Amino acid sequence: MSNLPELDDGMRGTTAVSVSVRDEGEGRLRLIIDDLKQVGDQKYPSWETYCFVTWATISRDEVCEFEFTDEQALGLGQTVLARLGALLKGQERRGS
């Protein structure tokens, strides 16, 4: 097992994408994707939601057992990467 904290320099960018999970009951979870912006110190930042992006409902078993479909995994990954790209383009336009 690697010791990841030793590899982490603690520094983060000023924007991020979060995927949170909410139990919807009856074996269903809601995955919620938000854009975040950093507030506070860069080395020990706090994050606040900048923009709601989207959500998806998925079976708890699919997540816990890593049994979701390739299409579900691809869709989630593409959404996260698209949001990161949009955040980076926004930073370029603002000159930050």
N, C-alpha and C. Protein backbone atom coordinates (compact mmCIF):
# COMPACT_ATOMS: atom_id res chain seq x y z
N MET A 1 0.84 -1.19 0.00
CA MET A 1 0.00 0.00 0.00
C MET A 1 0.88 1.24 0.00
N SER A 2 0.64 2.15 -0.92
CA SER A 2 1.46 3.36 -0.98
C SER A 2 1.03 4.35 0.09
N ASN A 3 1.93 5.21 0.45
CA ASN A 3 1.66 6.22 1.45
C ASN A 3 1.35 7.53 0.73
N LEU A 4 0.13 7.66 0.26
CA LEU A 4 -0.24 8.80 -0.57
C LEU A 4 -0.05 10.16 0.11
N PRO A 5 -0.28 10.30 1.41
CA PRO A 5 -0.04 11.63 1.99
C PRO A 5 1.37 12.15 1.76
N GLU A 6 2.37 11.26 1.67
CA GLU A 6 3.73 11.71 1.41
C GLU A 6 3.89 12.24 -0.01
N LEU A 7 3.03 11.79 -0.93
CA LEU A 7 3.10 12.23 -2.31
C LEU A 7 2.29 13.50 -2.56
N ASP A 8 1.46 13.88 -1.62
CA ASP A 8 0.56 15.02 -1.78
C ASP A 8 1.24 16.29 -1.28
N ASP A 9 1.43 17.26 -2.20
CA ASP A 9 2.07 18.52 -1.79
C ASP A 9 1.08 19.48 -1.12
N GLY A 10 -0.20 19.09 -1.09
CA GLY A 10 -1.20 19.90 -0.41
C GLY A 10 -1.75 21.05 -1.25
N MET A 11 -1.14 21.33 -2.39
CA MET A 11 -1.58 22.44 -3.21
C MET A 11 -2.73 22.01 -4.11
N ARG A 12 -3.67 22.89 -4.32
CA ARG A 12 -4.82 22.64 -5.17
C ARG A 12 -5.04 23.82 -6.10
N GLY A 13 -5.75 23.57 -7.17
CA GLY A 13 -6.14 24.66 -8.06
C GLY A 13 -7.23 25.49 -7.43
N THR A 14 -7.66 26.52 -8.13
CA THR A 14 -8.68 27.41 -7.57
C THR A 14 -10.09 26.99 -7.94
N THR A 15 -10.22 26.02 -8.85
CA THR A 15 -11.53 25.49 -9.22
C THR A 15 -11.48 23.97 -9.18
N ALA A 16 -12.65 23.37 -9.04
CA ALA A 16 -12.72 21.91 -8.95
C ALA A 16 -14.10 21.44 -9.37
N VAL A 17 -14.20 20.15 -9.56
CA VAL A 17 -15.48 19.50 -9.82
C VAL A 17 -15.69 18.49 -8.71
N SER A 18 -16.87 18.47 -8.12
CA SER A 18 -17.15 17.49 -7.08
C SER A 18 -18.26 16.55 -7.54
N VAL A 19 -18.14 15.33 -7.09
CA VAL A 19 -19.21 14.35 -7.27
C VAL A 19 -19.60 13.91 -5.87
N SER A 20 -20.80 14.26 -5.46
CA SER A 20 -21.28 13.86 -4.14
C SER A 20 -22.37 12.81 -4.32
N VAL A 21 -22.66 12.13 -3.24
CA VAL A 21 -23.65 11.05 -3.31
C VAL A 21 -24.70 11.26 -2.22
N ARG A 22 -25.94 11.02 -2.60
CA ARG A 22 -27.05 11.13 -1.65
C ARG A 22 -27.88 9.86 -1.73
N ASP A 23 -28.16 9.26 -0.59
CA ASP A 23 -28.98 8.05 -0.54
C ASP A 23 -30.43 8.43 -0.79
N GLU A 24 -31.02 7.84 -1.81
CA GLU A 24 -32.41 8.11 -2.17
C GLU A 24 -33.36 7.06 -1.60
N GLY A 25 -32.80 6.08 -0.89
CA GLY A 25 -33.63 4.99 -0.35
C GLY A 25 -33.91 3.94 -1.42
N GLU A 26 -34.44 2.84 -0.98
CA GLU A 26 -34.82 1.75 -1.88
C GLU A 26 -33.66 1.30 -2.79
N GLY A 27 -32.43 1.38 -2.26
CA GLY A 27 -31.28 0.90 -3.02
C GLY A 27 -30.80 1.82 -4.13
N ARG A 28 -31.25 3.08 -4.11
CA ARG A 28 -30.86 4.03 -5.16
C ARG A 28 -30.02 5.15 -4.56
N LEU A 29 -29.05 5.61 -5.35
CA LEU A 29 -28.20 6.74 -4.97
C LEU A 29 -28.34 7.83 -6.02
N ARG A 30 -28.23 9.06 -5.60
CA ARG A 30 -28.16 10.17 -6.55
C ARG A 30 -26.74 10.71 -6.53
N LEU A 31 -26.09 10.70 -7.69
CA LEU A 31 -24.77 11.31 -7.85
C LEU A 31 -24.99 12.73 -8.32
N ILE A 32 -24.41 13.68 -7.62
CA ILE A 32 -24.60 15.10 -7.91
C ILE A 32 -23.26 15.71 -8.27
N ILE A 33 -23.20 16.36 -9.42
CA ILE A 33 -21.96 16.97 -9.89
C ILE A 33 -22.10 18.49 -9.80
N ASP A 34 -21.13 19.10 -9.15
CA ASP A 34 -21.10 20.55 -8.97
C ASP A 34 -19.72 21.10 -9.35
N ASP A 35 -19.68 22.34 -9.81
CA ASP A 35 -18.43 23.07 -9.95
C ASP A 35 -18.18 23.76 -8.61
N LEU A 36 -16.91 23.77 -8.19
CA LEU A 36 -16.53 24.39 -6.92
C LEU A 36 -15.51 25.48 -7.17
N LYS A 37 -15.46 26.43 -6.24
CA LYS A 37 -14.37 27.41 -6.26
C LYS A 37 -13.72 27.42 -4.89
N GLN A 38 -12.42 27.66 -4.92
CA GLN A 38 -11.64 27.67 -3.70
C GLN A 38 -11.88 28.96 -2.93
N VAL A 39 -12.02 28.82 -1.63
CA VAL A 39 -12.09 29.98 -0.75
C VAL A 39 -11.06 29.76 0.36
N GLY A 40 -10.42 30.82 0.76
CA GLY A 40 -9.43 30.70 1.82
C GLY A 40 -8.04 30.41 1.29
N ASP A 41 -7.21 29.96 2.17
CA ASP A 41 -5.80 29.70 1.93
C ASP A 41 -5.62 28.60 0.88
N GLN A 42 -4.68 28.79 -0.05
CA GLN A 42 -4.47 27.80 -1.12
C GLN A 42 -3.93 26.49 -0.59
N LYS A 43 -3.10 26.53 0.44
CA LYS A 43 -2.55 25.27 0.95
C LYS A 43 -3.59 24.47 1.73
N TYR A 44 -4.50 25.13 2.39
CA TYR A 44 -5.56 24.47 3.17
C TYR A 44 -6.91 25.07 2.78
N PRO A 45 -7.33 24.85 1.53
CA PRO A 45 -8.53 25.54 1.06
C PRO A 45 -9.82 24.94 1.59
N SER A 46 -10.82 25.76 1.58
CA SER A 46 -12.19 25.32 1.71
C SER A 46 -12.80 25.50 0.33
N TRP A 47 -13.90 24.83 0.10
CA TRP A 47 -14.53 24.89 -1.22
C TRP A 47 -15.98 25.27 -1.07
N GLU A 48 -16.47 26.05 -2.02
CA GLU A 48 -17.90 26.34 -2.03
C GLU A 48 -18.44 26.05 -3.43
N THR A 49 -19.69 25.63 -3.44
CA THR A 49 -20.32 25.30 -4.72
C THR A 49 -20.48 26.57 -5.53
N TYR A 50 -19.99 26.52 -6.74
CA TYR A 50 -20.07 27.63 -7.68
C TYR A 50 -21.28 27.46 -8.59
N CYS A 51 -21.52 26.21 -9.03
CA CYS A 51 -22.58 25.97 -9.99
C CYS A 51 -23.00 24.50 -9.95
N PHE A 52 -24.29 24.25 -9.86
CA PHE A 52 -24.81 22.90 -10.01
C PHE A 52 -24.64 22.51 -11.48
N VAL A 53 -24.18 21.29 -11.74
CA VAL A 53 -23.98 20.83 -13.11
C VAL A 53 -25.07 19.85 -13.53
N THR A 54 -25.16 18.72 -12.85
CA THR A 54 -26.15 17.70 -13.21
C THR A 54 -26.24 16.66 -12.12
N TRP A 55 -27.15 15.72 -12.27
CA TRP A 55 -27.25 14.60 -11.35
C TRP A 55 -27.68 13.36 -12.12
N ALA A 56 -27.43 12.22 -11.50
CA ALA A 56 -27.85 10.94 -12.08
C ALA A 56 -28.21 10.01 -10.94
N THR A 57 -29.20 9.18 -11.17
CA THR A 57 -29.58 8.17 -10.19
C THR A 57 -29.03 6.83 -10.63
N ILE A 58 -28.45 6.09 -9.67
CA ILE A 58 -27.81 4.82 -9.97
C ILE A 58 -28.07 3.88 -8.80
N SER A 59 -28.03 2.61 -9.06
CA SER A 59 -28.22 1.60 -8.03
C SER A 59 -27.05 1.62 -7.04
N ARG A 60 -27.37 1.52 -5.76
CA ARG A 60 -26.33 1.45 -4.73
C ARG A 60 -25.42 0.25 -4.98
N ASP A 61 -25.99 -0.88 -5.34
CA ASP A 61 -25.21 -2.08 -5.61
C ASP A 61 -24.25 -1.87 -6.77
N GLU A 62 -24.70 -1.17 -7.80
CA GLU A 62 -23.82 -0.91 -8.95
C GLU A 62 -22.58 -0.14 -8.52
N VAL A 63 -22.77 0.82 -7.63
CA VAL A 63 -21.64 1.63 -7.16
C VAL A 63 -20.76 0.81 -6.20
N CYS A 64 -21.38 0.22 -5.19
CA CYS A 64 -20.61 -0.50 -4.16
C CYS A 64 -19.90 -1.73 -4.71
N GLU A 65 -20.47 -2.38 -5.69
CA GLU A 65 -19.87 -3.58 -6.26
C GLU A 65 -19.13 -3.30 -7.56
N PHE A 66 -19.04 -2.03 -7.93
CA PHE A 66 -18.36 -1.62 -9.15
C PHE A 66 -18.93 -2.37 -10.36
N GLU A 67 -20.26 -2.40 -10.42
CA GLU A 67 -20.94 -3.14 -11.47
C GLU A 67 -21.73 -2.25 -12.42
N PHE A 68 -21.39 -0.98 -12.49
CA PHE A 68 -22.08 -0.11 -13.43
C PHE A 68 -21.60 -0.41 -14.84
N THR A 69 -22.38 0.00 -15.79
CA THR A 69 -22.05 -0.31 -17.18
C THR A 69 -20.93 0.59 -17.68
N ASP A 70 -20.29 0.14 -18.75
CA ASP A 70 -19.26 0.96 -19.38
C ASP A 70 -19.85 2.30 -19.81
N GLU A 71 -21.09 2.27 -20.28
CA GLU A 71 -21.75 3.51 -20.73
C GLU A 71 -21.93 4.47 -19.55
N GLN A 72 -22.32 3.96 -18.37
CA GLN A 72 -22.47 4.80 -17.19
C GLN A 72 -21.12 5.40 -16.77
N ALA A 73 -20.08 4.57 -16.75
CA ALA A 73 -18.75 5.04 -16.36
C ALA A 73 -18.23 6.07 -17.35
N LEU A 74 -18.40 5.80 -18.63
CA LEU A 74 -17.95 6.73 -19.66
C LEU A 74 -18.69 8.06 -19.56
N GLY A 75 -19.99 8.00 -19.35
CA GLY A 75 -20.78 9.23 -19.23
C GLY A 75 -20.35 10.08 -18.05
N LEU A 76 -20.11 9.45 -16.91
CA LEU A 76 -19.66 10.18 -15.72
C LEU A 76 -18.29 10.79 -15.97
N GLY A 77 -17.38 9.99 -16.52
CA GLY A 77 -16.03 10.50 -16.79
C GLY A 77 -16.03 11.64 -17.79
N GLN A 78 -16.83 11.53 -18.84
CA GLN A 78 -16.91 12.60 -19.83
C GLN A 78 -17.49 13.87 -19.22
N THR A 79 -18.48 13.72 -18.36
CA THR A 79 -19.07 14.90 -17.71
C THR A 79 -18.05 15.61 -16.85
N VAL A 80 -17.31 14.85 -16.04
CA VAL A 80 -16.30 15.45 -15.17
C VAL A 80 -15.21 16.15 -16.00
N LEU A 81 -14.71 15.48 -17.05
CA LEU A 81 -13.67 16.08 -17.88
C LEU A 81 -14.18 17.31 -18.63
N ALA A 82 -15.42 17.27 -19.09
CA ALA A 82 -16.00 18.43 -19.78
C ALA A 82 -16.10 19.63 -18.83
N ARG A 83 -16.49 19.38 -17.59
CA ARG A 83 -16.58 20.47 -16.61
C ARG A 83 -15.20 21.04 -16.30
N LEU A 84 -14.21 20.17 -16.15
CA LEU A 84 -12.85 20.65 -15.89
C LEU A 84 -12.36 21.51 -17.06
N GLY A 85 -12.64 21.07 -18.28
CA GLY A 85 -12.26 21.85 -19.46
C GLY A 85 -12.95 23.21 -19.48
N ALA A 86 -14.23 23.23 -19.15
CA ALA A 86 -14.97 24.50 -19.13
C ALA A 86 -14.42 25.43 -18.05
N LEU A 87 -14.08 24.88 -16.90
CA LEU A 87 -13.51 25.72 -15.83
C LEU A 87 -12.17 26.30 -16.25
N LEU A 88 -11.34 25.50 -16.90
CA LEU A 88 -10.03 25.98 -17.36
C LEU A 88 -10.19 27.06 -18.43
N LYS A 89 -11.10 26.88 -19.35
CA LYS A 89 -11.34 27.90 -20.38
C LYS A 89 -11.83 29.19 -19.74
N GLY A 90 -12.69 29.07 -18.74
CA GLY A 90 -13.17 30.25 -18.03
C GLY A 90 -12.06 31.00 -17.35
N GLN A 91 -11.10 30.27 -16.77
CA GLN A 91 -9.96 30.89 -16.12
C GLN A 91 -9.10 31.63 -17.16
N GLU A 92 -8.92 31.01 -18.33
CA GLU A 92 -8.13 31.66 -19.39
C GLU A 92 -8.77 32.97 -19.82
N ARG A 93 -10.08 32.97 -19.98
CA ARG A 93 -10.79 34.19 -20.41
C ARG A 93 -10.67 35.30 -19.37
N ARG A 94 -10.67 34.88 -18.10
CA ARG A 94 -10.57 35.88 -17.02
C ARG A 94 -9.14 36.26 -16.71
N GLY A 95 -8.18 35.52 -17.30
CA GLY A 95 -6.77 35.80 -17.07
C GLY A 95 -6.29 35.37 -15.70
N SER A 96 -6.95 34.36 -15.11
CA SER A 96 -6.51 33.90 -13.78
C SER A 96 -5.74 32.62 -13.85
